[in-house]
């Protein structure tokens, strides 16, 4: 069965790294282990944003991010999208009855015991995703997080969202902390 054999899994990891290298992320992403990309002790968060423009994927500009609350109150056009459709899976750590939650529902109900999930992971996933989505677009040109597009670490928003979700499901607490720190460090 494909995907269960360790050789197939290792081949898939290598193909993923080659793909990421070809999409413009270069050695920054290709050289880091897949599971630790968003870890607070290193990985993509610190590698790319350490100087505000990492391997210059931001074209020499300083990153500027907004908090999830900004998207709850001001940039709301995406808030009606289902979390499961954006991220490819249900909100992490919430009851099955909440699997049809929208991005706006998650933003309005943060917290570990609510739709925010363990360590507020769902809340931070939505915040980082929406920063990328609205990056540089009018009237939200104050947000600058150009991680999606040609010659960027991710070719599509879906690819970015699925990647974030994969990291979050393997380590919700550390991923949430890293994403929260990213937002705090580069809050506009």
Protein backbone atom coordinates (compact mmCIF):
# COMPACT_ATOMS: atom_id res chain seq x y z
CA UNK A 1 0.00 0.00 0.00
CA UNK A 2 1.39 3.33 -1.05
CA UNK A 3 2.03 5.83 1.75
CA UNK A 4 2.44 3.19 4.46
CA UNK A 5 5.82 1.88 3.37
CA UNK A 6 8.71 3.84 4.98
CA UNK A 7 10.50 4.02 1.62
CA UNK A 8 7.41 5.61 0.03
CA UNK A 9 7.14 8.10 2.90
CA UNK A 10 10.81 9.07 2.61
CA UNK A 11 10.46 9.45 -1.16
CA UNK A 12 7.42 11.67 -0.63
CA UNK A 13 9.37 13.87 1.81
CA UNK A 14 12.24 14.19 -0.66
CA UNK A 15 9.86 15.05 -3.52
CA UNK A 16 8.20 17.67 -1.32
CA UNK A 17 11.55 19.25 -0.48
CA UNK A 18 12.55 19.29 -4.15
CA UNK A 19 9.22 20.90 -5.02
CA UNK A 20 9.62 23.57 -2.37
CA UNK A 21 13.15 24.28 -3.58
CA UNK A 22 11.85 24.78 -7.11
CA UNK A 23 9.08 27.14 -5.99
CA UNK A 24 11.58 29.75 -4.90
CA UNK A 25 12.14 28.97 -1.27
CA UNK A 26 15.63 27.68 -2.00
CA UNK A 27 17.78 26.35 0.76
CA UNK A 28 15.77 28.07 3.49
CA UNK A 29 12.94 25.52 3.29
CA UNK A 30 14.75 22.62 1.64
CA UNK A 31 17.29 22.37 4.43
CA UNK A 32 14.88 22.25 7.35
CA UNK A 33 13.07 19.18 8.64
CA UNK A 34 9.42 19.07 7.56
CA UNK A 35 8.05 18.68 11.10
CA UNK A 36 9.92 21.58 12.70
CA UNK A 37 9.27 24.33 10.19
CA UNK A 38 7.12 26.44 12.50
CA UNK A 39 8.89 25.49 15.72
CA UNK A 40 9.86 28.39 17.90
CA UNK A 41 13.48 27.24 18.13
CA UNK A 42 14.09 27.69 14.41
CA UNK A 43 12.71 26.74 11.04
CA UNK A 44 10.78 28.81 8.57
CA UNK A 45 9.49 31.36 11.06
CA UNK A 46 12.95 32.46 12.12
CA UNK A 47 14.78 31.63 8.91
CA UNK A 48 12.58 33.70 6.64
CA UNK A 49 11.60 36.52 8.94
CA UNK A 50 14.75 36.87 11.02
CA UNK A 51 15.75 40.06 9.26
CA UNK A 52 12.31 40.97 8.02
CA UNK A 53 13.03 39.60 4.58
CA UNK A 54 14.96 36.32 4.92
CA UNK A 55 16.06 35.18 1.49
CA UNK A 56 14.58 38.45 0.25
CA UNK A 57 11.23 36.86 -0.53
CA UNK A 58 9.80 40.18 0.69
CA UNK A 59 11.83 42.17 -1.85
CA UNK A 60 13.67 44.11 0.84
CA UNK A 61 10.52 45.33 2.58
CA UNK A 62 9.80 44.91 6.28
CA UNK A 63 7.06 42.38 7.05
CA UNK A 64 3.89 43.88 8.53
CA UNK A 65 1.23 41.65 10.01
CA UNK A 66 -2.09 42.26 11.69
CA UNK A 67 -3.59 40.37 14.61
CA UNK A 68 -6.44 37.90 14.13
CA UNK A 69 -8.73 40.49 15.75
CA UNK A 70 -8.08 42.83 12.84
CA UNK A 71 -9.59 40.26 10.47
CA UNK A 72 -12.53 39.69 12.80
CA UNK A 73 -13.40 43.41 12.74
CA UNK A 74 -12.02 45.05 9.59
CA UNK A 75 -10.93 42.72 6.80
CA UNK A 76 -13.94 40.41 6.84
CA UNK A 77 -14.46 39.37 3.21
CA UNK A 78 -13.06 35.88 3.81
CA UNK A 79 -14.75 35.25 7.15
CA UNK A 80 -17.66 33.31 5.63
CA UNK A 81 -15.35 30.58 4.24
CA UNK A 82 -15.51 27.23 6.01
CA UNK A 83 -12.38 26.44 8.01
CA UNK A 84 -12.43 22.87 6.71
CA UNK A 85 -12.47 24.07 3.08
CA UNK A 86 -9.59 26.49 3.57
CA UNK A 87 -7.30 24.25 5.63
CA UNK A 88 -8.33 20.83 4.36
CA UNK A 89 -9.38 19.60 7.79
CA UNK A 90 -11.70 20.48 10.68
CA UNK A 91 -10.77 22.95 13.38
CA UNK A 92 -8.18 21.27 15.59
CA UNK A 93 -9.28 20.02 18.99
CA UNK A 94 -12.95 21.02 18.79
CA UNK A 95 -16.13 18.96 18.91
CA UNK A 96 -17.41 17.44 15.67
CA UNK A 97 -20.49 19.66 15.85
CA UNK A 98 -18.16 22.59 15.08
CA UNK A 99 -16.62 21.09 11.94
CA UNK A 100 -18.65 23.52 9.81
CA UNK A 101 -17.20 26.56 11.55
CA UNK A 102 -16.25 29.48 9.33
CA UNK A 103 -13.07 31.52 9.60
CA UNK A 104 -15.20 34.25 11.17
CA UNK A 105 -16.60 31.80 13.74
CA UNK A 106 -13.06 30.90 14.79
CA UNK A 107 -12.06 34.56 15.00
CA UNK A 108 -15.12 35.38 17.14
CA UNK A 109 -14.61 32.43 19.52
CA UNK A 110 -10.92 32.25 20.46
CA UNK A 111 -9.71 30.24 23.41
CA UNK A 112 -8.76 26.67 24.17
CA UNK A 113 -12.25 25.70 25.30
CA UNK A 114 -13.89 27.35 22.29
CA UNK A 115 -13.15 27.31 18.54
CA UNK A 116 -9.61 28.59 19.07
CA UNK A 117 -8.57 25.03 19.89
CA UNK A 118 -5.58 23.87 21.93
CA UNK A 119 -3.29 26.84 22.65
CA UNK A 120 -5.54 28.89 20.32
CA UNK A 121 -4.07 27.11 17.28
CA UNK A 122 -7.11 27.60 15.01
CA UNK A 123 -7.25 31.31 15.86
CA UNK A 124 -3.56 31.76 14.95
CA UNK A 125 -3.88 29.62 11.79
CA UNK A 126 -6.66 31.86 10.53
CA UNK A 127 -4.71 35.00 11.46
CA UNK A 128 -1.53 33.98 9.62
CA UNK A 129 -3.46 32.70 6.61
CA UNK A 130 -5.43 35.95 6.30
CA UNK A 131 -2.24 38.03 6.61
CA UNK A 132 -0.89 36.18 3.58
CA UNK A 133 -4.22 36.46 1.74
CA UNK A 134 -4.55 40.22 2.20
CA UNK A 135 -0.83 41.00 1.85
CA UNK A 136 -0.32 44.14 -0.22
CA UNK A 137 -3.90 44.28 -1.52
CA UNK A 138 -5.86 47.52 -1.38
CA UNK A 139 -7.19 48.77 0.93
CA UNK A 140 -5.13 46.51 3.18
CA UNK A 141 -1.74 47.48 1.76
CA UNK A 142 -0.49 48.05 5.32
CA UNK A 143 -0.24 44.23 5.57
CA UNK A 144 2.92 42.86 3.99
CA UNK A 145 3.43 39.09 4.21
CA UNK A 146 4.24 38.02 0.64
CA UNK A 147 4.69 34.29 1.22
CA UNK A 148 2.34 33.18 -1.59
CA UNK A 149 2.86 33.72 -5.31
CA UNK A 150 5.42 33.33 -8.07
CA UNK A 151 8.97 33.02 -6.70
CA UNK A 152 7.59 32.83 -3.13
CA UNK A 153 7.75 29.93 -0.65
CA UNK A 154 4.20 28.81 -1.60
CA UNK A 155 2.64 28.93 -5.07
CA UNK A 156 -1.00 29.08 -3.92
CA UNK A 157 -2.98 30.07 -0.84
CA UNK A 158 -4.36 26.55 -0.66
CA UNK A 159 -0.84 25.11 -0.58
CA UNK A 160 0.07 27.53 2.22
CA UNK A 161 -3.10 26.74 4.22
CA UNK A 162 -2.63 22.97 3.89
CA UNK A 163 0.99 23.32 4.96
CA UNK A 164 0.05 25.37 8.03
CA UNK A 165 -2.61 22.81 8.96
CA UNK A 166 -0.20 19.89 8.57
CA UNK A 167 2.27 21.56 10.92
CA UNK A 168 -0.48 22.44 13.38
CA UNK A 169 -1.91 18.93 13.57
CA UNK A 170 1.49 17.45 14.38
CA UNK A 171 2.27 19.98 17.11
CA UNK A 172 -0.59 22.38 17.96
CA UNK A 173 0.95 24.06 20.98
CA UNK A 174 4.39 24.84 19.55
CA UNK A 175 2.95 25.77 16.15
CA UNK A 176 0.45 28.13 17.77
CA UNK A 177 3.20 29.73 19.85
CA UNK A 178 5.40 30.22 16.78
CA UNK A 179 2.56 31.72 14.73
CA UNK A 180 1.50 33.96 17.61
CA UNK A 181 5.09 35.15 18.04
CA UNK A 182 5.35 35.83 14.31
CA UNK A 183 2.24 38.01 14.42
CA UNK A 184 3.40 39.82 17.56
CA UNK A 185 6.93 40.42 16.23
CA UNK A 186 5.76 41.92 12.94
CA UNK A 187 2.52 43.55 14.05
CA UNK A 188 2.08 46.72 11.99
